[in-house]
Amino acid sequence: MAKLNVKRGDNVVVLTGKENGKKGTVAECFPEEGKVTVKGLNMIVKHNKPRSAQDKGGIVKKEGKIDSSNVMIVCPACNKATRVKMEVNAKGEKVRVCKKCGASLDSKKVEPKKTESKKEATADAPAKKAKSANTEAKKTATAKTSEKKTTAKTAVKKETKKQDASEKTGK
C-alpha cells in the first residue's frame, strides 16, 4: 500500500499518456492501487447489457483511473506543476509543501463528499420533519379513504347475504 502525494480536490496536470499536459481536479483517490481519477480526463466507455427487463442497457462514459505517478500537483501559489515536500508546521502538523515556491498545498479546503455534514443535517431537520409530516398525513388520508371503501363493500356484501337468506326462507 503506497502513500499518495495527491488528495481529493487537488489540481493536477497529467504527465504521460493520451491526456498528456491536460489539467484537472482529482475526483477520487485509490491508495491501495496507487491510482487516482481526474474529473473530465481519461474518459472510458463501458457497454452495459441489460440483465433483466427493468434494467436499461447502454453506453456509459466515466473517468478512468490514472496511476498517481503520472500526475503532478499544480501549486495554487506559483501555478506550476511541482513535486511535494512534507514539512512540520508551527502547530506540529505534517503539511504538504510546494518544492518550487515553498507554499503550503494543504491550505485550501478539500471538497466534502456527497454525504451531509451534521450542521447541514440539523439545519435541514425542520424541513425534513415537515415533509415527513406531510407524507404521514397523506398516508393516513389514503388509509381512511380505503377503509371507507372497504366498509362500504362489506356493507353491500352483508345486505346481499341478508337478501339471499330471506329469499331462501321465503321460498
Protein backbone atom coordinates (compact mmCIF):
# COMPACT_ATOMS: atom_id res chain seq x y z
CA MET A 1 0.00 0.00 0.00
CA ALA A 2 1.66 3.18 -1.21
CA LYS A 3 1.20 6.68 0.19
CA LEU A 4 -0.15 9.16 -2.32
CA ASN A 5 1.05 12.76 -2.51
CA VAL A 6 -2.24 13.61 -4.19
CA LYS A 7 -5.52 14.17 -2.36
CA ARG A 8 -9.12 14.62 -3.48
CA GLY A 9 -9.70 18.20 -4.65
CA ASP A 10 -6.09 18.85 -5.75
CA ASN A 11 -5.45 20.46 -9.13
CA VAL A 12 -3.13 18.23 -11.13
CA VAL A 13 -1.52 18.03 -14.56
CA VAL A 14 -1.20 14.70 -16.39
CA LEU A 15 2.39 13.87 -17.36
CA THR A 16 2.01 10.90 -19.72
CA GLY A 17 -0.49 9.10 -21.89
CA LYS A 18 -3.26 10.31 -24.17
CA GLU A 19 -4.18 13.10 -21.73
CA ASN A 20 -0.59 14.42 -21.56
CA GLY A 21 -0.41 18.09 -20.50
CA LYS A 22 -4.08 18.44 -19.55
CA LYS A 23 -5.11 19.85 -16.17
CA GLY A 24 -7.97 18.75 -13.94
CA THR A 25 -9.16 18.20 -10.39
CA VAL A 26 -8.77 14.91 -8.55
CA ALA A 27 -12.19 13.31 -8.06
CA GLU A 28 -11.18 10.12 -6.20
CA CYS A 29 -8.05 8.54 -4.78
CA PHE A 30 -7.31 4.83 -4.57
CA PRO A 31 -4.25 4.47 -2.31
CA GLU A 32 -4.45 0.64 -2.33
CA GLU A 33 -3.97 0.66 -6.10
CA GLY A 34 -1.83 3.81 -6.26
CA LYS A 35 -4.28 5.42 -8.71
CA VAL A 36 -6.48 8.50 -8.95
CA THR A 37 -9.38 9.67 -11.12
CA VAL A 38 -9.36 13.17 -12.57
CA LYS A 39 -12.60 14.97 -13.45
CA GLY A 40 -13.16 15.03 -17.21
CA LEU A 41 -9.92 13.24 -18.13
CA ASN A 42 -9.13 9.68 -19.25
CA MET A 43 -12.75 9.05 -20.19
CA ILE A 44 -13.57 5.40 -20.76
CA VAL A 45 -16.64 3.90 -22.41
CA LYS A 46 -18.44 0.97 -20.83
CA HIS A 47 -21.17 -1.00 -22.58
CA ASN A 48 -23.82 -2.20 -20.12
CA LYS A 49 -26.00 -5.14 -21.06
CA PRO A 50 -29.48 -5.20 -19.52
CA ARG A 51 -29.66 -8.14 -17.11
CA SER A 52 -33.43 -8.05 -16.58
CA ALA A 53 -36.50 -6.47 -18.15
CA GLN A 54 -36.28 -3.49 -15.77
CA ASP A 55 -32.57 -2.78 -16.34
CA LYS A 56 -31.56 -0.43 -19.11
CA GLY A 57 -28.54 -1.19 -21.18
CA GLY A 58 -26.47 1.36 -22.96
CA ILE A 59 -23.16 3.09 -23.26
CA VAL A 60 -21.80 4.79 -20.14
CA LYS A 61 -18.87 7.24 -20.15
CA LYS A 62 -16.89 7.71 -16.94
CA GLU A 63 -13.45 8.76 -15.75
CA GLY A 64 -10.82 6.04 -15.81
CA LYS A 65 -8.10 5.60 -13.23
CA ILE A 66 -4.66 7.14 -13.79
CA ASP A 67 -1.56 6.00 -11.95
CA SER A 68 -0.62 8.56 -9.31
CA SER A 69 2.97 8.66 -10.62
CA ASN A 70 1.62 10.02 -13.91
CA VAL A 71 0.09 13.14 -12.36
CA MET A 72 1.76 16.10 -10.70
CA ILE A 73 0.20 18.66 -8.36
CA VAL A 74 -0.21 22.22 -9.62
CA CYS A 75 0.77 24.69 -6.88
CA PRO A 76 -2.00 27.24 -6.24
CA ALA A 77 0.55 29.96 -5.39
CA CYS A 78 3.02 29.72 -8.29
CA ASN A 79 0.65 27.88 -10.71
CA LYS A 80 3.37 25.41 -11.75
CA ALA A 81 3.48 21.63 -11.66
CA THR A 82 5.57 20.69 -8.66
CA ARG A 83 6.81 17.84 -6.55
CA VAL A 84 5.56 17.54 -3.00
CA LYS A 85 7.71 18.04 0.09
CA MET A 86 6.48 17.12 3.57
CA GLU A 87 7.16 19.57 6.43
CA VAL A 88 6.03 20.07 10.00
CA ASN A 89 4.34 23.44 10.54
CA ALA A 90 4.28 25.60 13.70
CA LYS A 91 1.29 23.69 15.08
CA GLY A 92 3.20 20.42 14.81
CA GLU A 93 1.10 19.09 11.91
CA LYS A 94 2.52 17.47 8.79
CA VAL A 95 1.69 19.53 5.71
CA ARG A 96 2.44 19.21 2.00
CA VAL A 97 4.62 21.99 0.61
CA CYS A 98 5.50 23.07 -2.94
CA LYS A 99 9.15 22.28 -3.75
CA LYS A 100 9.47 25.31 -6.04
CA CYS A 101 7.99 28.17 -4.03
CA GLY A 102 7.53 26.71 -0.52
CA ALA A 103 3.78 27.45 -0.35
CA SER A 104 1.53 25.06 1.55
CA LEU A 105 -0.59 22.76 -0.62
CA ASP A 106 -2.93 21.87 2.29
CA SER A 107 -4.14 25.42 2.98
CA LYS A 108 -7.20 25.10 0.77
CA LYS A 109 -10.15 23.03 1.92
CA VAL A 110 -10.84 19.67 0.30
CA GLU A 111 -14.26 19.24 -1.29
CA PRO A 112 -16.58 17.35 1.06
CA LYS A 113 -18.01 14.02 -0.02
CA LYS A 114 -21.62 13.72 -1.08
CA THR A 115 -22.75 12.82 2.45
CA GLU A 116 -24.31 15.59 4.51
CA SER A 117 -22.43 17.11 7.41
CA LYS A 118 -24.02 17.26 10.85
CA LYS A 119 -24.54 21.03 10.63
CA GLU A 120 -26.41 20.73 7.32
CA ALA A 121 -28.45 17.84 8.64
CA THR A 122 -29.55 19.82 11.72
CA ALA A 123 -30.30 22.90 9.61
CA ASP A 124 -32.48 20.85 7.26
CA ALA A 125 -34.14 18.87 10.06
CA PRO A 126 -37.26 21.10 10.40
CA ALA A 127 -37.86 20.95 6.66
CA LYS A 128 -37.43 17.18 6.66
CA LYS A 129 -39.81 16.87 9.61
CA ALA A 130 -42.39 18.97 7.78
CA LYS A 131 -42.02 16.82 4.68
CA SER A 132 -42.37 13.64 6.72
CA ALA A 133 -45.44 15.09 8.48
CA ASN A 134 -46.99 15.82 5.08
CA THR A 135 -46.32 12.32 3.85
CA GLU A 136 -47.74 10.88 7.10
CA ALA A 137 -50.90 12.97 6.62
CA LYS A 138 -51.23 11.74 3.03
CA LYS A 139 -50.79 8.14 4.15
CA THR A 140 -53.45 8.45 6.85
CA ALA A 141 -55.82 10.18 4.41
CA THR A 142 -55.41 7.40 1.87
CA ALA A 143 -55.82 4.80 4.62
CA LYS A 144 -59.08 6.43 5.74
CA THR A 145 -60.47 6.52 2.20
CA SER A 146 -59.50 2.90 1.65
CA GLU A 147 -61.21 1.99 4.98
CA LYS A 148 -64.37 3.76 3.82
CA LYS A 149 -64.31 1.85 0.56
CA THR A 150 -63.82 -1.48 2.31
CA THR A 151 -66.57 -0.77 4.86
CA ALA A 152 -68.94 0.16 2.02
CA LYS A 153 -68.07 -3.05 0.19
CA THR A 154 -68.59 -5.15 3.30
CA ALA A 155 -71.93 -3.43 3.96
CA VAL A 156 -73.08 -4.25 0.41
CA LYS A 157 -71.96 -7.86 0.85
CA LYS A 158 -73.86 -8.15 4.15
CA GLU A 159 -77.02 -6.75 2.56
CA THR A 160 -76.82 -9.19 -0.34
CA LYS A 161 -76.33 -12.07 2.10
CA LYS A 162 -79.40 -10.95 4.09
CA GLN A 163 -81.43 -10.73 0.90
CA ASP A 164 -80.26 -14.17 -0.18
CA ALA A 165 -81.12 -15.62 3.23
CA SER A 166 -84.57 -14.02 3.25
CA GLU A 167 -85.26 -15.30 -0.26
CA LYS A 168 -84.30 -18.83 0.76
CA THR A 169 -86.50 -18.78 3.86
CA GLY A 170 -89.38 -17.11 1.96
CA LYS A 171 -89.48 -19.86 -0.68
